[in-house]
N, C-alpha and C. Protein backbone atom coordinates (compact mmCIF):
# COMPACT_ATOMS: atom_id res chain seq x y z
N MET A 1 91.90 41.90 -53.23
CA MET A 1 92.99 40.95 -53.11
C MET A 1 94.33 41.69 -53.16
N SER A 2 95.24 41.32 -52.32
CA SER A 2 96.54 41.95 -52.23
C SER A 2 97.48 41.39 -53.30
N THR A 3 98.24 42.27 -53.94
CA THR A 3 99.22 41.80 -54.92
C THR A 3 100.53 41.42 -54.25
N LEU A 4 100.80 41.99 -53.06
CA LEU A 4 102.03 41.65 -52.32
C LEU A 4 101.78 40.43 -51.46
N LYS A 5 102.68 39.45 -51.55
CA LYS A 5 102.58 38.28 -50.67
C LYS A 5 103.39 38.49 -49.40
N LYS A 6 104.69 38.79 -49.57
CA LYS A 6 105.56 38.99 -48.42
C LYS A 6 106.86 39.64 -48.87
N PRO A 7 107.56 40.31 -47.97
CA PRO A 7 108.88 40.83 -48.31
C PRO A 7 109.89 39.69 -48.31
N ILE A 8 110.91 39.82 -49.11
CA ILE A 8 111.98 38.82 -49.16
C ILE A 8 113.11 39.34 -48.29
N VAL A 9 113.42 38.59 -47.23
CA VAL A 9 114.45 39.01 -46.29
C VAL A 9 115.55 37.95 -46.30
N THR A 10 116.40 38.05 -47.31
CA THR A 10 117.57 37.17 -47.41
C THR A 10 118.81 38.04 -47.34
N GLU A 11 119.95 37.41 -47.28
CA GLU A 11 121.20 38.17 -47.20
C GLU A 11 121.38 39.04 -48.45
N LYS A 12 121.08 38.48 -49.61
CA LYS A 12 121.23 39.22 -50.86
C LYS A 12 120.22 40.37 -50.94
N ALA A 13 118.98 40.12 -50.54
CA ALA A 13 117.95 41.17 -50.58
C ALA A 13 118.23 42.26 -49.56
N THR A 14 118.77 41.91 -48.40
CA THR A 14 119.09 42.89 -47.37
C THR A 14 120.24 43.79 -47.83
N ALA A 15 121.15 43.28 -48.63
CA ALA A 15 122.25 44.10 -49.16
C ALA A 15 121.70 45.16 -50.11
N LEU A 16 120.59 44.87 -50.79
CA LEU A 16 119.97 45.86 -51.68
C LEU A 16 119.38 47.04 -50.92
N ASN A 17 119.00 46.82 -49.65
CA ASN A 17 118.37 47.87 -48.85
C ASN A 17 119.26 49.10 -48.72
N GLU A 18 120.57 48.91 -48.72
CA GLU A 18 121.50 50.03 -48.62
C GLU A 18 121.42 50.94 -49.84
N LYS A 19 121.00 50.39 -50.98
CA LYS A 19 120.86 51.16 -52.22
C LYS A 19 119.47 51.76 -52.37
N GLY A 20 118.60 51.52 -51.39
CA GLY A 20 117.23 52.02 -51.49
C GLY A 20 116.33 51.09 -52.29
N GLN A 21 116.72 49.81 -52.39
CA GLN A 21 115.93 48.82 -53.12
C GLN A 21 115.44 47.75 -52.16
N TYR A 22 114.21 47.28 -52.40
CA TYR A 22 113.59 46.28 -51.53
C TYR A 22 112.97 45.19 -52.40
N ALA A 23 113.02 43.94 -51.91
CA ALA A 23 112.52 42.80 -52.67
C ALA A 23 111.23 42.29 -52.04
N PHE A 24 110.25 41.98 -52.88
CA PHE A 24 108.97 41.45 -52.44
C PHE A 24 108.59 40.26 -53.31
N GLU A 25 107.90 39.31 -52.69
CA GLU A 25 107.26 38.24 -53.45
C GLU A 25 105.86 38.74 -53.76
N VAL A 26 105.45 38.67 -55.03
CA VAL A 26 104.17 39.21 -55.45
C VAL A 26 103.36 38.15 -56.20
N GLU A 27 102.08 38.44 -56.40
CA GLU A 27 101.23 37.54 -57.17
C GLU A 27 101.76 37.43 -58.59
N ARG A 28 101.63 36.26 -59.18
CA ARG A 28 102.16 36.03 -60.53
C ARG A 28 101.46 36.89 -61.58
N THR A 29 100.22 37.28 -61.32
CA THR A 29 99.46 38.07 -62.30
C THR A 29 99.59 39.58 -62.09
N ALA A 30 100.30 40.00 -61.05
CA ALA A 30 100.42 41.43 -60.73
C ALA A 30 101.31 42.15 -61.74
N ASN A 31 100.92 43.39 -62.07
CA ASN A 31 101.77 44.19 -62.96
C ASN A 31 102.44 45.29 -62.14
N LYS A 32 103.34 46.05 -62.81
CA LYS A 32 104.14 47.05 -62.10
C LYS A 32 103.29 48.17 -61.52
N VAL A 33 102.23 48.57 -62.21
CA VAL A 33 101.37 49.65 -61.72
C VAL A 33 100.67 49.23 -60.43
N GLN A 34 100.15 48.01 -60.39
CA GLN A 34 99.48 47.51 -59.18
C GLN A 34 100.46 47.41 -58.02
N ILE A 35 101.67 46.92 -58.28
CA ILE A 35 102.68 46.77 -57.23
C ILE A 35 103.06 48.14 -56.68
N LYS A 36 103.27 49.12 -57.57
CA LYS A 36 103.65 50.47 -57.15
C LYS A 36 102.57 51.09 -56.26
N LYS A 37 101.30 51.01 -56.68
CA LYS A 37 100.21 51.59 -55.90
C LYS A 37 100.12 50.97 -54.51
N GLU A 38 100.25 49.65 -54.44
CA GLU A 38 100.11 48.98 -53.14
C GLU A 38 101.27 49.30 -52.19
N ILE A 39 102.49 49.34 -52.71
CA ILE A 39 103.64 49.65 -51.85
C ILE A 39 103.56 51.08 -51.34
N GLU A 40 103.18 52.02 -52.22
CA GLU A 40 103.05 53.41 -51.78
C GLU A 40 101.95 53.57 -50.74
N GLN A 41 100.87 52.81 -50.89
CA GLN A 41 99.75 52.89 -49.95
C GLN A 41 100.12 52.27 -48.60
N ILE A 42 100.72 51.10 -48.61
CA ILE A 42 101.01 50.38 -47.36
C ILE A 42 102.16 51.02 -46.59
N TYR A 43 103.27 51.31 -47.28
CA TYR A 43 104.47 51.76 -46.59
C TYR A 43 104.66 53.28 -46.58
N GLY A 44 103.86 54.03 -47.34
CA GLY A 44 103.96 55.48 -47.34
C GLY A 44 105.26 56.01 -47.90
N VAL A 45 105.78 55.38 -48.95
CA VAL A 45 107.02 55.81 -49.60
C VAL A 45 106.71 56.16 -51.05
N THR A 46 107.66 56.81 -51.72
CA THR A 46 107.52 57.12 -53.14
C THR A 46 108.37 56.14 -53.93
N VAL A 47 107.74 55.38 -54.82
CA VAL A 47 108.43 54.39 -55.63
C VAL A 47 108.93 55.06 -56.91
N THR A 48 110.23 54.89 -57.21
CA THR A 48 110.81 55.48 -58.41
C THR A 48 111.07 54.46 -59.50
N GLY A 49 111.10 53.16 -59.16
CA GLY A 49 111.34 52.14 -60.18
C GLY A 49 110.99 50.76 -59.68
N ILE A 50 110.61 49.88 -60.61
CA ILE A 50 110.27 48.49 -60.27
C ILE A 50 110.82 47.57 -61.34
N SER A 51 111.47 46.50 -60.92
CA SER A 51 111.89 45.42 -61.81
C SER A 51 111.17 44.16 -61.35
N THR A 52 110.61 43.41 -62.29
CA THR A 52 109.93 42.17 -61.92
C THR A 52 110.66 40.98 -62.51
N ILE A 53 110.60 39.85 -61.80
CA ILE A 53 111.28 38.63 -62.20
C ILE A 53 110.31 37.46 -62.02
N ARG A 54 110.08 36.71 -63.08
CA ARG A 54 109.24 35.52 -62.97
C ARG A 54 110.15 34.32 -62.72
N THR A 55 109.80 33.50 -61.72
CA THR A 55 110.64 32.36 -61.37
C THR A 55 109.85 31.07 -61.59
N ASN A 56 110.54 30.05 -62.06
CA ASN A 56 109.93 28.73 -62.24
C ASN A 56 110.21 27.89 -61.01
N GLY A 57 109.21 27.09 -60.60
CA GLY A 57 109.37 26.21 -59.45
C GLY A 57 110.33 25.07 -59.75
N LYS A 58 111.08 24.68 -58.74
CA LYS A 58 112.04 23.59 -58.89
C LYS A 58 111.33 22.25 -58.94
N LEU A 59 111.91 21.30 -59.67
CA LEU A 59 111.42 19.92 -59.65
C LEU A 59 111.95 19.26 -58.39
N LYS A 60 111.08 18.53 -57.72
CA LYS A 60 111.46 17.84 -56.49
C LYS A 60 111.06 16.38 -56.58
N SER A 61 111.92 15.51 -56.08
CA SER A 61 111.61 14.08 -56.01
C SER A 61 111.57 13.64 -54.56
N LYS A 62 110.62 12.80 -54.25
CA LYS A 62 110.49 12.28 -52.90
C LYS A 62 110.46 10.75 -53.01
N PHE A 63 111.28 10.10 -52.21
CA PHE A 63 111.32 8.65 -52.22
C PHE A 63 110.50 8.12 -51.07
N THR A 64 109.52 7.29 -51.38
CA THR A 64 108.63 6.72 -50.38
C THR A 64 108.73 5.20 -50.43
N LYS A 65 108.00 4.53 -49.55
CA LYS A 65 107.99 3.06 -49.56
C LYS A 65 107.47 2.49 -50.88
N GLY A 66 106.49 3.17 -51.45
CA GLY A 66 105.87 2.68 -52.68
C GLY A 66 106.63 3.06 -53.94
N GLY A 67 107.70 3.80 -53.83
CA GLY A 67 108.47 4.24 -54.99
C GLY A 67 108.76 5.72 -54.88
N SER A 68 109.08 6.32 -55.99
CA SER A 68 109.40 7.75 -55.95
C SER A 68 108.25 8.57 -56.52
N VAL A 69 108.10 9.74 -56.00
CA VAL A 69 107.07 10.66 -56.44
C VAL A 69 107.78 11.94 -56.90
N THR A 70 107.45 12.42 -58.08
CA THR A 70 108.06 13.64 -58.59
C THR A 70 107.02 14.74 -58.61
N GLY A 71 107.40 15.90 -58.12
CA GLY A 71 106.50 17.04 -58.11
C GLY A 71 107.25 18.31 -58.41
N ARG A 72 106.56 19.40 -58.31
CA ARG A 72 107.17 20.69 -58.62
C ARG A 72 106.72 21.71 -57.58
N ARG A 73 107.65 22.55 -57.15
CA ARG A 73 107.28 23.68 -56.29
C ARG A 73 106.54 24.69 -57.16
N PRO A 74 105.73 25.54 -56.55
CA PRO A 74 104.95 26.48 -57.36
C PRO A 74 105.82 27.55 -58.02
N HIS A 75 105.36 28.02 -59.20
CA HIS A 75 106.01 29.13 -59.87
C HIS A 75 105.76 30.40 -59.07
N GLY A 76 106.55 31.44 -59.28
CA GLY A 76 106.38 32.66 -58.52
C GLY A 76 106.81 33.89 -59.29
N LYS A 77 106.75 35.01 -58.60
CA LYS A 77 107.17 36.28 -59.18
C LYS A 77 107.73 37.16 -58.08
N LYS A 78 108.84 37.85 -58.37
CA LYS A 78 109.47 38.75 -57.41
C LYS A 78 109.48 40.16 -58.00
N ALA A 79 109.49 41.15 -57.12
CA ALA A 79 109.61 42.54 -57.55
C ALA A 79 110.72 43.20 -56.75
N ILE A 80 111.63 43.87 -57.45
CA ILE A 80 112.67 44.67 -56.81
C ILE A 80 112.22 46.12 -56.96
N VAL A 81 111.94 46.77 -55.83
CA VAL A 81 111.35 48.10 -55.81
C VAL A 81 112.41 49.11 -55.37
N THR A 82 112.58 50.18 -56.15
CA THR A 82 113.47 51.26 -55.79
C THR A 82 112.63 52.42 -55.27
N VAL A 83 112.98 52.92 -54.08
CA VAL A 83 112.23 54.03 -53.48
C VAL A 83 113.05 55.32 -53.58
N LYS A 84 112.36 56.45 -53.41
CA LYS A 84 112.99 57.76 -53.48
C LYS A 84 114.07 57.87 -52.40
N GLU A 85 115.15 58.57 -52.73
CA GLU A 85 116.25 58.74 -51.79
C GLU A 85 115.75 59.40 -50.50
N GLY A 86 116.06 58.80 -49.37
CA GLY A 86 115.60 59.29 -48.08
C GLY A 86 114.43 58.50 -47.52
N ASP A 87 113.66 57.82 -48.39
CA ASP A 87 112.56 56.97 -47.93
C ASP A 87 113.11 55.61 -47.51
N VAL A 88 112.53 55.03 -46.46
CA VAL A 88 112.99 53.75 -45.94
C VAL A 88 111.78 52.87 -45.64
N ILE A 89 111.87 51.59 -45.97
CA ILE A 89 110.87 50.60 -45.59
C ILE A 89 111.51 49.73 -44.52
N ASP A 90 110.88 49.67 -43.34
CA ASP A 90 111.43 48.90 -42.23
C ASP A 90 110.58 47.66 -42.01
N PHE A 91 111.09 46.49 -42.42
CA PHE A 91 110.36 45.23 -42.29
C PHE A 91 110.36 44.72 -40.85
N TYR A 92 111.32 45.12 -40.05
CA TYR A 92 111.52 44.52 -38.74
C TYR A 92 110.69 45.16 -37.64
N ASN A 93 110.34 46.43 -37.76
CA ASN A 93 109.57 47.11 -36.71
C ASN A 93 108.10 47.27 -37.07
N GLY A 94 107.65 46.63 -38.11
CA GLY A 94 106.25 46.74 -38.51
C GLY A 94 106.02 47.94 -39.39
N ILE A 95 104.75 48.18 -39.67
CA ILE A 95 104.38 49.26 -40.59
C ILE A 95 104.25 50.56 -39.82
């Protein structure tokens, strides 16, 4: 099973790329060692640091004919990965 779900490609995450940092959405149970091994294996870069962030899902309300329904988006986890100077991960041209 893969610990990486997908790269995060937002304006804020893209600004981190200039510093050699990349953002990924990862499995909630993944630890830093698993994330480091998988990124080095898939992208062929050297990882020098990882920060992880656990996020709580937002509460959402939906109004229907029968009344309102309240639910929650799923919880998640993000990883900010710092790679060795000179290494680059290119999300746009594939692996």
